C-alpha cells in the first residue's frame, strides 16, 4: 500500500543521499533581491538540491533575520553562504577559478534554460537579479551566457523563488 513517509523516514533517506558532484559545485548568486522571503526560499531550494554555496550581494538581505528563517526553515544554517560587497571582484574570482557564469535573465541573446552548454562544466554559477528590474545591466556583459525559462502564458516572469527551484531542478536533471 502506498503511504506518505513520516518526517523521520524522509530525514533518514535524505541524510543517506549525497547530492551529485555537479550540484555540489554549483553556486547561486542572489544580487539585489529585496524580499527576505525570496531569500529564505532560495536557501531552502539550495538545501533541497545540495547546492554548494549561495552568494548574497548588493542590497540582498542576509541571515540571521526572522523573515528569512521563516521561509528557509533553518536552511540558512545548513547551506554555505557568504555576502560579498563587491560583486565585480567576486565575478572575476569565480571566472579565474573556472566557473561558468549564467545570468538568469530574459535578454535578446538568452538561451533556453534546457540548453546543455552550461551543464557540461562541473562548476557553474547562476545569477538571479532583483524581483522587479532583474539582473543589473552592467552585470550582463560579464556573464558567459544568459538563460531564460520558456514561458507560454500571458505573464512574462516568475517569482524569484520559483525560478531558483526550476533552475536547480534543471541542473539536477543534467547531473544524473
N, C-alpha and C. Protein backbone atom coordinates (compact mmCIF):
# COMPACT_ATOMS: atom_id res chain seq x y z
N UNK A 1 0.84 -1.18 0.00
CA UNK A 1 0.00 0.00 0.00
C UNK A 1 0.89 1.25 0.00
N UNK A 2 0.54 2.20 -0.81
CA UNK A 2 1.27 3.46 -0.90
C UNK A 2 0.86 4.37 0.26
N UNK A 3 1.81 4.89 0.97
CA UNK A 3 1.52 5.78 2.10
C UNK A 3 2.56 6.90 2.12
N UNK A 4 2.21 7.98 2.76
CA UNK A 4 3.17 9.07 2.95
C UNK A 4 4.26 8.62 3.90
N UNK A 5 5.48 9.05 3.62
CA UNK A 5 6.56 8.80 4.56
C UNK A 5 6.42 9.73 5.75
N UNK A 6 6.90 9.27 6.88
CA UNK A 6 6.92 10.13 8.06
C UNK A 6 8.08 11.11 7.91
N UNK A 7 8.05 12.17 8.69
CA UNK A 7 9.14 13.13 8.68
C UNK A 7 10.45 12.45 9.02
N UNK A 8 10.44 11.53 9.95
CA UNK A 8 11.64 10.80 10.34
C UNK A 8 12.17 9.96 9.17
N UNK A 9 11.28 9.28 8.45
CA UNK A 9 11.69 8.47 7.30
C UNK A 9 12.31 9.36 6.20
N UNK A 10 11.70 10.50 5.96
CA UNK A 10 12.22 11.42 4.94
C UNK A 10 13.61 11.91 5.35
N UNK A 11 13.78 12.28 6.61
CA UNK A 11 15.07 12.75 7.09
C UNK A 11 16.14 11.66 6.98
N UNK A 12 15.80 10.42 7.35
CA UNK A 12 16.76 9.33 7.24
C UNK A 12 17.18 9.11 5.79
N UNK A 13 16.23 9.14 4.87
CA UNK A 13 16.55 8.96 3.45
C UNK A 13 17.42 10.10 2.94
N UNK A 14 17.04 11.34 3.26
CA UNK A 14 17.81 12.49 2.80
C UNK A 14 19.23 12.50 3.36
N UNK A 15 19.37 12.08 4.61
CA UNK A 15 20.71 12.05 5.21
C UNK A 15 21.59 10.97 4.61
N UNK A 16 20.99 9.95 4.01
CA UNK A 16 21.79 8.88 3.40
C UNK A 16 22.12 9.17 1.93
N UNK A 17 21.48 10.16 1.34
CA UNK A 17 21.73 10.53 -0.05
C UNK A 17 22.78 11.64 -0.11
N UNK A 18 23.55 11.65 -1.19
CA UNK A 18 24.51 12.73 -1.41
C UNK A 18 24.19 13.38 -2.75
N UNK A 19 24.25 14.70 -2.76
CA UNK A 19 23.97 15.44 -3.99
C UNK A 19 25.00 15.10 -5.06
N UNK A 20 24.59 15.07 -6.34
CA UNK A 20 25.57 14.87 -7.42
C UNK A 20 26.67 15.94 -7.34
N UNK A 21 27.87 15.56 -7.76
CA UNK A 21 29.02 16.45 -7.69
C UNK A 21 28.75 17.79 -8.39
N UNK A 22 28.06 17.75 -9.53
CA UNK A 22 27.80 18.99 -10.25
C UNK A 22 26.94 19.95 -9.43
N UNK A 23 26.06 19.43 -8.60
CA UNK A 23 25.27 20.32 -7.74
C UNK A 23 26.11 20.83 -6.58
N UNK A 24 27.00 19.99 -6.08
CA UNK A 24 27.89 20.43 -5.00
C UNK A 24 28.83 21.53 -5.50
N UNK A 25 29.11 21.52 -6.81
CA UNK A 25 29.98 22.53 -7.42
C UNK A 25 29.18 23.66 -8.07
N UNK A 26 27.92 23.75 -7.71
CA UNK A 26 27.05 24.81 -8.22
C UNK A 26 26.89 25.88 -7.15
N UNK A 27 26.91 27.12 -7.61
CA UNK A 27 26.71 28.28 -6.73
C UNK A 27 25.55 29.07 -7.30
N UNK A 28 24.73 29.64 -6.44
CA UNK A 28 23.78 30.64 -6.91
C UNK A 28 24.15 31.97 -6.28
N UNK A 29 23.93 33.01 -7.05
CA UNK A 29 24.18 34.36 -6.56
C UNK A 29 22.87 35.13 -6.59
N UNK A 30 22.48 35.66 -5.46
CA UNK A 30 21.28 36.49 -5.35
C UNK A 30 21.75 37.93 -5.23
N UNK A 31 21.54 38.70 -6.29
CA UNK A 31 22.03 40.07 -6.34
C UNK A 31 20.85 41.06 -6.31
N UNK A 32 20.85 41.92 -5.31
CA UNK A 32 19.83 42.96 -5.15
C UNK A 32 18.42 42.39 -5.04
N UNK A 33 18.28 41.30 -4.31
CA UNK A 33 16.96 40.74 -4.03
C UNK A 33 16.39 41.51 -2.84
N UNK A 34 15.17 41.94 -2.96
CA UNK A 34 14.61 42.78 -1.89
C UNK A 34 13.82 41.99 -0.85
N UNK A 35 13.22 40.87 -1.24
CA UNK A 35 12.34 40.13 -0.34
C UNK A 35 13.09 39.11 0.49
N UNK A 36 12.97 39.22 1.80
CA UNK A 36 13.60 38.24 2.69
C UNK A 36 12.96 36.87 2.52
N UNK A 37 11.68 36.85 2.17
CA UNK A 37 11.01 35.57 1.95
C UNK A 37 11.59 34.88 0.72
N UNK A 38 11.91 35.63 -0.33
CA UNK A 38 12.54 35.05 -1.51
C UNK A 38 13.93 34.52 -1.18
N UNK A 39 14.67 35.24 -0.37
CA UNK A 39 16.00 34.78 0.05
C UNK A 39 15.86 33.48 0.83
N UNK A 40 14.92 33.44 1.76
CA UNK A 40 14.70 32.23 2.54
C UNK A 40 14.31 31.05 1.67
N UNK A 41 13.44 31.29 0.70
CA UNK A 41 13.02 30.21 -0.20
C UNK A 41 14.19 29.72 -1.04
N UNK A 42 15.08 30.63 -1.45
CA UNK A 42 16.26 30.23 -2.21
C UNK A 42 17.17 29.34 -1.35
N UNK A 43 17.34 29.69 -0.09
CA UNK A 43 18.13 28.86 0.82
C UNK A 43 17.51 27.46 0.91
N UNK A 44 16.21 27.41 1.02
CA UNK A 44 15.53 26.12 1.16
C UNK A 44 15.71 25.28 -0.09
N UNK A 45 15.59 25.91 -1.27
CA UNK A 45 15.82 25.19 -2.53
C UNK A 45 17.25 24.68 -2.61
N UNK A 46 18.20 25.52 -2.24
CA UNK A 46 19.61 25.11 -2.30
C UNK A 46 19.88 23.95 -1.37
N UNK A 47 19.26 23.96 -0.21
CA UNK A 47 19.40 22.84 0.72
C UNK A 47 18.81 21.57 0.10
N UNK A 48 17.63 21.68 -0.48
CA UNK A 48 16.95 20.53 -1.06
C UNK A 48 17.75 19.89 -2.18
N UNK A 49 18.41 20.71 -2.99
CA UNK A 49 19.15 20.20 -4.14
C UNK A 49 20.63 19.97 -3.86
N UNK A 50 21.11 20.30 -2.68
CA UNK A 50 22.51 20.06 -2.33
C UNK A 50 23.48 21.01 -3.00
N UNK A 51 23.03 22.25 -3.23
CA UNK A 51 23.87 23.25 -3.86
C UNK A 51 25.03 23.61 -2.93
N UNK A 52 26.20 23.83 -3.53
CA UNK A 52 27.41 24.06 -2.75
C UNK A 52 27.44 25.36 -1.98
N UNK A 53 26.86 26.43 -2.55
CA UNK A 53 27.03 27.73 -1.89
C UNK A 53 26.05 28.74 -2.47
N UNK A 54 25.72 29.72 -1.64
CA UNK A 54 24.94 30.88 -2.06
C UNK A 54 25.80 32.12 -1.83
N UNK A 55 25.83 32.97 -2.83
CA UNK A 55 26.47 34.28 -2.69
C UNK A 55 25.37 35.32 -2.64
N UNK A 56 25.42 36.16 -1.64
CA UNK A 56 24.47 37.26 -1.49
C UNK A 56 25.24 38.55 -1.76
N UNK A 57 24.63 39.43 -2.55
CA UNK A 57 25.34 40.67 -2.88
C UNK A 57 24.35 41.81 -3.08
N UNK A 58 24.92 43.01 -3.19
CA UNK A 58 24.07 44.20 -3.33
C UNK A 58 23.29 44.42 -2.05
N UNK A 59 22.02 44.80 -2.22
CA UNK A 59 21.19 45.04 -1.04
C UNK A 59 20.38 43.82 -0.61
N UNK A 60 20.76 42.64 -1.10
CA UNK A 60 20.10 41.40 -0.68
C UNK A 60 20.25 41.24 0.83
N UNK A 61 19.15 41.00 1.54
CA UNK A 61 19.25 40.81 2.99
C UNK A 61 20.00 39.52 3.32
N UNK A 62 20.68 39.53 4.45
CA UNK A 62 21.47 38.37 4.87
C UNK A 62 20.97 37.85 6.22
N UNK A 63 21.14 36.54 6.43
CA UNK A 63 20.80 35.98 7.75
C UNK A 63 21.72 36.56 8.82
N UNK A 64 21.36 36.52 10.07
CA UNK A 64 20.09 35.99 10.57
C UNK A 64 18.99 37.04 10.56
N UNK A 65 17.88 36.69 10.04
CA UNK A 65 16.68 37.53 10.03
C UNK A 65 15.48 36.61 10.18
N UNK A 66 14.54 36.93 11.05
CA UNK A 66 13.37 36.06 11.24
C UNK A 66 12.59 35.82 9.94
N UNK A 67 12.54 36.83 9.08
CA UNK A 67 11.79 36.70 7.83
C UNK A 67 12.46 35.70 6.88
N UNK A 68 13.78 35.62 6.93
CA UNK A 68 14.50 34.63 6.11
C UNK A 68 14.29 33.25 6.69
N UNK A 69 14.47 33.13 7.99
CA UNK A 69 14.32 31.84 8.67
C UNK A 69 12.92 31.28 8.51
N UNK A 70 11.91 32.14 8.51
CA UNK A 70 10.52 31.69 8.39
C UNK A 70 10.33 30.86 7.12
N UNK A 71 10.93 31.27 6.03
CA UNK A 71 10.79 30.56 4.77
C UNK A 71 11.87 29.50 4.60
N UNK A 72 13.08 29.79 5.05
CA UNK A 72 14.20 28.85 4.89
C UNK A 72 14.07 27.62 5.79
N UNK A 73 13.32 27.75 6.86
CA UNK A 73 13.16 26.68 7.84
C UNK A 73 14.50 26.16 8.35
N UNK A 74 15.46 27.08 8.53
CA UNK A 74 16.76 26.71 9.07
C UNK A 74 17.81 26.37 8.01
N UNK A 75 17.43 26.39 6.73
CA UNK A 75 18.39 26.05 5.67
C UNK A 75 19.53 27.05 5.60
N UNK A 76 19.34 28.24 6.13
CA UNK A 76 20.42 29.23 6.14
C UNK A 76 21.56 28.80 7.06
N UNK A 77 21.30 27.78 7.87
CA UNK A 77 22.33 27.22 8.74
C UNK A 77 23.00 25.99 8.14
N UNK A 78 22.36 25.37 7.14
CA UNK A 78 22.92 24.15 6.56
C UNK A 78 23.55 24.38 5.19
N UNK A 79 23.26 25.52 4.56
CA UNK A 79 23.83 25.84 3.25
C UNK A 79 24.94 26.87 3.44
N UNK A 80 26.08 26.60 2.84
CA UNK A 80 27.19 27.54 2.90
C UNK A 80 26.80 28.82 2.15
N UNK A 81 27.09 29.97 2.75
CA UNK A 81 26.78 31.23 2.08
C UNK A 81 27.79 32.29 2.49
N UNK A 82 27.86 33.32 1.66
CA UNK A 82 28.69 34.47 2.00
C UNK A 82 28.07 35.72 1.39
N UNK A 83 28.32 36.83 2.04
CA UNK A 83 27.93 38.11 1.49
C UNK A 83 29.18 38.73 0.86
N UNK A 84 29.05 39.22 -0.37
CA UNK A 84 30.17 39.92 -1.00
C UNK A 84 29.76 41.35 -1.28
N UNK A 85 30.63 42.24 -0.89
CA UNK A 85 30.36 43.67 -1.07
C UNK A 85 30.59 44.10 -2.51
N UNK A 86 31.64 43.56 -3.12
CA UNK A 86 32.00 43.95 -4.48
C UNK A 86 31.73 42.78 -5.44
N UNK A 87 30.59 42.80 -6.09
CA UNK A 87 30.19 41.70 -6.97
C UNK A 87 31.13 41.58 -8.17
N UNK A 88 31.68 42.69 -8.62
CA UNK A 88 32.56 42.66 -9.79
C UNK A 88 33.87 41.91 -9.49
N UNK A 89 34.43 42.12 -8.30
CA UNK A 89 35.61 41.38 -7.89
C UNK A 89 35.28 39.91 -7.73
N UNK A 90 34.13 39.62 -7.18
CA UNK A 90 33.71 38.23 -6.99
C UNK A 90 33.55 37.52 -8.33
N UNK A 91 32.96 38.20 -9.30
CA UNK A 91 32.80 37.61 -10.64
C UNK A 91 34.17 37.29 -11.24
N UNK A 92 35.10 38.20 -11.10
CA UNK A 92 36.46 37.98 -11.60
C UNK A 92 37.08 36.75 -10.92
N UNK A 93 36.92 36.63 -9.61
CA UNK A 93 37.45 35.48 -8.88
C UNK A 93 36.81 34.17 -9.33
N UNK A 94 35.50 34.19 -9.53
CA UNK A 94 34.80 32.98 -9.97
C UNK A 94 35.30 32.53 -11.33
N UNK A 95 35.46 33.48 -12.25
CA UNK A 95 35.96 33.13 -13.58
C UNK A 95 37.38 32.57 -13.50
N UNK A 96 38.22 33.18 -12.67
CA UNK A 96 39.60 32.69 -12.51
C UNK A 96 39.64 31.29 -11.93
N UNK A 97 38.60 30.91 -11.19
CA UNK A 97 38.53 29.58 -10.60
C UNK A 97 37.76 28.58 -11.47
N UNK A 98 37.51 28.95 -12.73
CA UNK A 98 36.95 28.01 -13.69
C UNK A 98 35.45 27.86 -13.70
N UNK A 99 34.75 28.76 -13.07
CA UNK A 99 33.29 28.69 -13.08
C UNK A 99 32.73 29.29 -14.37
N UNK A 100 31.67 28.68 -14.88
CA UNK A 100 30.89 29.27 -15.96
C UNK A 100 29.77 30.06 -15.31
N UNK A 101 29.58 31.31 -15.76
CA UNK A 101 28.59 32.19 -15.16
C UNK A 101 27.39 32.33 -16.07
N UNK A 102 26.21 32.08 -15.51
CA UNK A 102 24.97 32.18 -16.28
C UNK A 102 24.01 33.14 -15.58
N UNK A 103 23.65 34.20 -16.27
CA UNK A 103 22.64 35.11 -15.76
C UNK A 103 21.27 34.56 -16.10
N UNK A 104 20.41 34.51 -15.14
CA UNK A 104 19.03 34.07 -15.38
C UNK A 104 18.24 35.34 -15.69
N UNK A 105 18.10 35.59 -16.97
CA UNK A 105 17.52 36.85 -17.42
C UNK A 105 16.99 36.72 -18.85
N UNK A 106 15.94 37.45 -19.12
CA UNK A 106 15.36 37.47 -20.47
C UNK A 106 16.07 38.55 -21.27
N UNK A 107 17.02 38.12 -22.10
CA UNK A 107 17.78 39.05 -22.93
C UNK A 107 17.59 38.66 -24.39
N UNK A 108 18.08 39.51 -25.28
CA UNK A 108 17.95 39.24 -26.71
C UNK A 108 18.76 38.02 -27.14
N UNK A 109 19.78 37.66 -26.37
CA UNK A 109 20.61 36.51 -26.73
C UNK A 109 20.50 35.36 -25.72
N UNK A 110 19.48 35.40 -24.88
CA UNK A 110 19.31 34.35 -23.87
C UNK A 110 19.01 33.02 -24.55
N UNK A 111 19.60 31.98 -23.98
CA UNK A 111 19.35 30.62 -24.42
C UNK A 111 18.26 30.02 -23.54
N UNK A 112 17.51 29.05 -24.06
CA UNK A 112 16.52 28.40 -23.19
C UNK A 112 17.22 27.65 -22.06
N UNK A 113 16.60 27.60 -20.93
CA UNK A 113 17.19 27.00 -19.73
C UNK A 113 17.69 25.59 -19.97
N UNK A 114 17.03 24.85 -20.83
CA UNK A 114 17.41 23.44 -21.03
C UNK A 114 18.61 23.25 -21.96
N UNK A 115 19.20 24.34 -22.47
CA UNK A 115 20.41 24.18 -23.27
C UNK A 115 21.48 23.47 -22.45
N UNK A 116 22.25 22.64 -23.10
CA UNK A 116 23.22 21.87 -22.31
C UNK A 116 24.57 22.54 -22.18
N UNK A 117 24.75 23.71 -22.74
CA UNK A 117 26.06 24.38 -22.68
C UNK A 117 26.53 24.62 -21.24
N UNK A 118 25.64 25.12 -20.41
CA UNK A 118 26.01 25.43 -19.02
C UNK A 118 26.25 24.16 -18.21
N UNK A 119 25.60 23.08 -18.60
CA UNK A 119 25.62 21.88 -17.77
C UNK A 119 26.82 20.97 -18.06
N UNK A 120 27.57 21.27 -19.11
CA UNK A 120 28.73 20.44 -19.46
C UNK A 120 29.84 20.61 -18.43
N UNK A 121 29.98 21.82 -17.93
CA UNK A 121 31.04 22.11 -16.96
C UNK A 121 30.55 21.71 -15.57
N UNK A 122 31.44 21.22 -14.76
CA UNK A 122 31.06 20.84 -13.41
C UNK A 122 30.90 22.02 -12.47
N UNK A 123 31.44 23.19 -12.86
CA UNK A 123 31.42 24.34 -11.96
C UNK A 123 30.66 25.48 -12.62
N UNK A 124 29.54 25.83 -12.02
CA UNK A 124 28.74 26.90 -12.60
C UNK A 124 28.10 27.76 -11.52
N UNK A 125 27.85 28.99 -11.91
CA UNK A 125 27.19 29.96 -11.01
C UNK A 125 25.98 30.51 -11.75
N UNK A 126 24.85 30.47 -11.10
CA UNK A 126 23.63 31.04 -11.65
C UNK A 126 23.33 32.34 -10.91
N UNK A 127 23.21 33.43 -11.67
CA UNK A 127 22.96 34.75 -11.11
C UNK A 127 21.48 35.11 -11.25
N UNK A 128 20.88 35.50 -10.13
CA UNK A 128 19.48 35.92 -10.10
C UNK A 128 19.43 37.37 -9.65
N UNK A 129 18.61 38.17 -10.32
CA UNK A 129 18.54 39.59 -10.02
C UNK A 129 17.25 40.00 -9.34
N UNK A 130 17.11 41.29 -9.19
CA UNK A 130 16.00 41.92 -8.49
C UNK A 130 14.64 41.46 -9.03
N UNK A 131 13.68 41.36 -8.11
CA UNK A 131 12.34 40.89 -8.46
C UNK A 131 11.64 41.78 -9.50
N UNK A 132 11.96 43.05 -9.53
CA UNK A 132 11.28 43.97 -10.46
C UNK A 132 12.15 44.28 -11.68
N UNK A 133 13.41 44.61 -11.44
CA UNK A 133 14.28 45.09 -12.53
C UNK A 133 15.18 44.00 -13.10
N UNK A 134 15.24 42.83 -12.48
CA UNK A 134 16.06 41.75 -12.98
C UNK A 134 17.53 41.93 -12.68
N UNK A 135 18.36 41.26 -13.46
CA UNK A 135 19.80 41.32 -13.28
C UNK A 135 20.31 42.67 -13.76
N UNK A 136 21.17 43.30 -12.97
CA UNK A 136 21.70 44.61 -13.33
C UNK A 136 22.32 44.60 -14.72
N UNK A 137 22.02 45.62 -15.49
CA UNK A 137 22.50 45.77 -16.87
C UNK A 137 24.02 45.65 -16.96
N UNK A 138 24.76 46.21 -15.99
CA UNK A 138 26.22 46.17 -16.06
C UNK A 138 26.79 44.79 -15.75
N UNK A 139 25.98 43.87 -15.24
CA UNK A 139 26.46 42.51 -14.99
C UNK A 139 26.33 41.63 -16.24
N UNK A 140 25.41 41.96 -17.12
CA UNK A 140 25.14 41.11 -18.29
C UNK A 140 26.37 40.82 -19.14
N UNK A 141 27.21 41.82 -19.47
CA UNK A 141 28.38 41.51 -20.30
C UNK A 141 29.41 40.62 -19.60
N UNK A 142 29.31 40.48 -18.29
CA UNK A 142 30.25 39.66 -17.54
C UNK A 142 29.84 38.19 -17.48
N UNK A 143 28.62 37.92 -17.92
CA UNK A 143 28.12 36.55 -17.91
C UNK A 143 28.65 35.81 -19.14
N UNK A 144 28.90 34.51 -18.96
CA UNK A 144 29.27 33.68 -20.11
C UNK A 144 28.06 33.43 -21.00
N UNK A 145 26.89 33.46 -20.40
CA UNK A 145 25.64 33.29 -21.13
C UNK A 145 24.49 33.74 -20.25
N UNK A 146 23.37 33.99 -20.89
CA UNK A 146 22.13 34.22 -20.16
C UNK A 146 21.17 33.11 -20.52
N UNK A 147 20.41 32.68 -19.54
CA UNK A 147 19.43 31.62 -19.73
C UNK A 147 18.06 32.14 -19.33
N UNK A 148 17.04 31.66 -20.03
CA UNK A 148 15.68 32.02 -19.65
C UNK A 148 14.80 30.78 -19.65
N UNK A 149 13.80 30.82 -18.81
CA UNK A 149 12.83 29.73 -18.71
C UNK A 149 11.75 29.98 -19.76
N UNK A 150 11.54 29.02 -20.68
CA UNK A 150 10.48 29.21 -21.67
C UNK A 150 9.12 29.37 -20.96
N UNK A 151 8.37 30.36 -21.38
CA UNK A 151 7.06 30.64 -20.78
C UNK A 151 6.04 30.84 -21.89
N UNK A 152 4.82 30.38 -21.65
CA UNK A 152 3.81 30.38 -22.70
C UNK A 152 2.52 31.09 -22.31
N UNK A 153 2.45 31.61 -21.10
CA UNK A 153 1.23 32.27 -20.65
C UNK A 153 1.25 33.76 -20.95
N UNK A 154 0.35 34.47 -20.33
CA UNK A 154 0.25 35.91 -20.56
C UNK A 154 1.17 36.71 -19.66
N UNK A 155 1.67 36.11 -18.61
CA UNK A 155 2.64 36.78 -17.72
C UNK A 155 4.03 36.54 -18.28
N UNK A 156 4.94 37.44 -18.04
CA UNK A 156 6.27 37.33 -18.64
C UNK A 156 7.37 37.07 -17.62
N UNK A 157 7.00 36.71 -16.40
CA UNK A 157 8.03 36.45 -15.40
C UNK A 157 7.49 35.52 -14.33
N UNK A 158 8.42 34.97 -13.56
CA UNK A 158 8.09 34.10 -12.43
C UNK A 158 8.72 34.69 -11.18
N UNK A 159 8.16 34.33 -10.03
CA UNK A 159 8.75 34.74 -8.77
C UNK A 159 10.16 34.17 -8.66
N UNK A 160 11.05 34.93 -8.05
CA UNK A 160 12.45 34.52 -7.94
C UNK A 160 12.59 33.17 -7.24
N UNK A 161 11.79 32.92 -6.23
CA UNK A 161 11.92 31.65 -5.52
C UNK A 161 11.49 30.48 -6.41
N UNK A 162 10.49 30.68 -7.23
CA UNK A 162 10.07 29.65 -8.19
C UNK A 162 11.16 29.44 -9.22
N UNK A 163 11.73 30.54 -9.71
CA UNK A 163 12.79 30.48 -10.72
C UNK A 163 14.00 29.72 -10.19
N UNK A 164 14.41 29.97 -8.97
CA UNK A 164 15.54 29.26 -8.38
C UNK A 164 15.26 27.76 -8.38
N UNK A 165 14.07 27.38 -7.96
CA UNK A 165 13.71 25.96 -7.93
C UNK A 165 13.75 25.31 -9.30
N UNK A 166 13.24 26.00 -10.31
CA UNK A 166 13.23 25.47 -11.68
C UNK A 166 14.66 25.32 -12.19
N UNK A 167 15.47 26.34 -12.00
CA UNK A 167 16.86 26.30 -12.48
C UNK A 167 17.63 25.16 -11.81
N UNK A 168 17.46 25.01 -10.51
CA UNK A 168 18.19 23.96 -9.81
C UNK A 168 17.69 22.57 -10.20
N UNK A 169 16.41 22.43 -10.45
CA UNK A 169 15.91 21.14 -10.89
C UNK A 169 16.47 20.79 -12.27
N UNK A 170 16.54 21.78 -13.15
CA UNK A 170 17.13 21.55 -14.48
C UNK A 170 18.60 21.14 -14.33
N UNK A 171 19.31 21.78 -13.42
CA UNK A 171 20.70 21.42 -13.14
C UNK A 171 20.79 19.98 -12.66
N UNK A 172 19.88 19.59 -11.78
CA UNK A 172 19.84 18.22 -11.28
C UNK A 172 19.63 17.24 -12.43
N UNK A 173 18.70 17.52 -13.33
CA UNK A 173 18.43 16.62 -14.45
C UNK A 173 19.68 16.39 -15.30
N UNK A 174 20.49 17.42 -15.46
CA UNK A 174 21.71 17.30 -16.26
C UNK A 174 22.87 16.71 -15.45
N UNK A 175 22.66 16.47 -14.17
CA UNK A 175 23.70 15.93 -13.31
C UNK A 175 23.56 14.43 -13.12
N UNK A 176 22.41 13.91 -13.47
CA UNK A 176 22.16 12.47 -13.22
C UNK A 176 22.70 11.61 -14.33
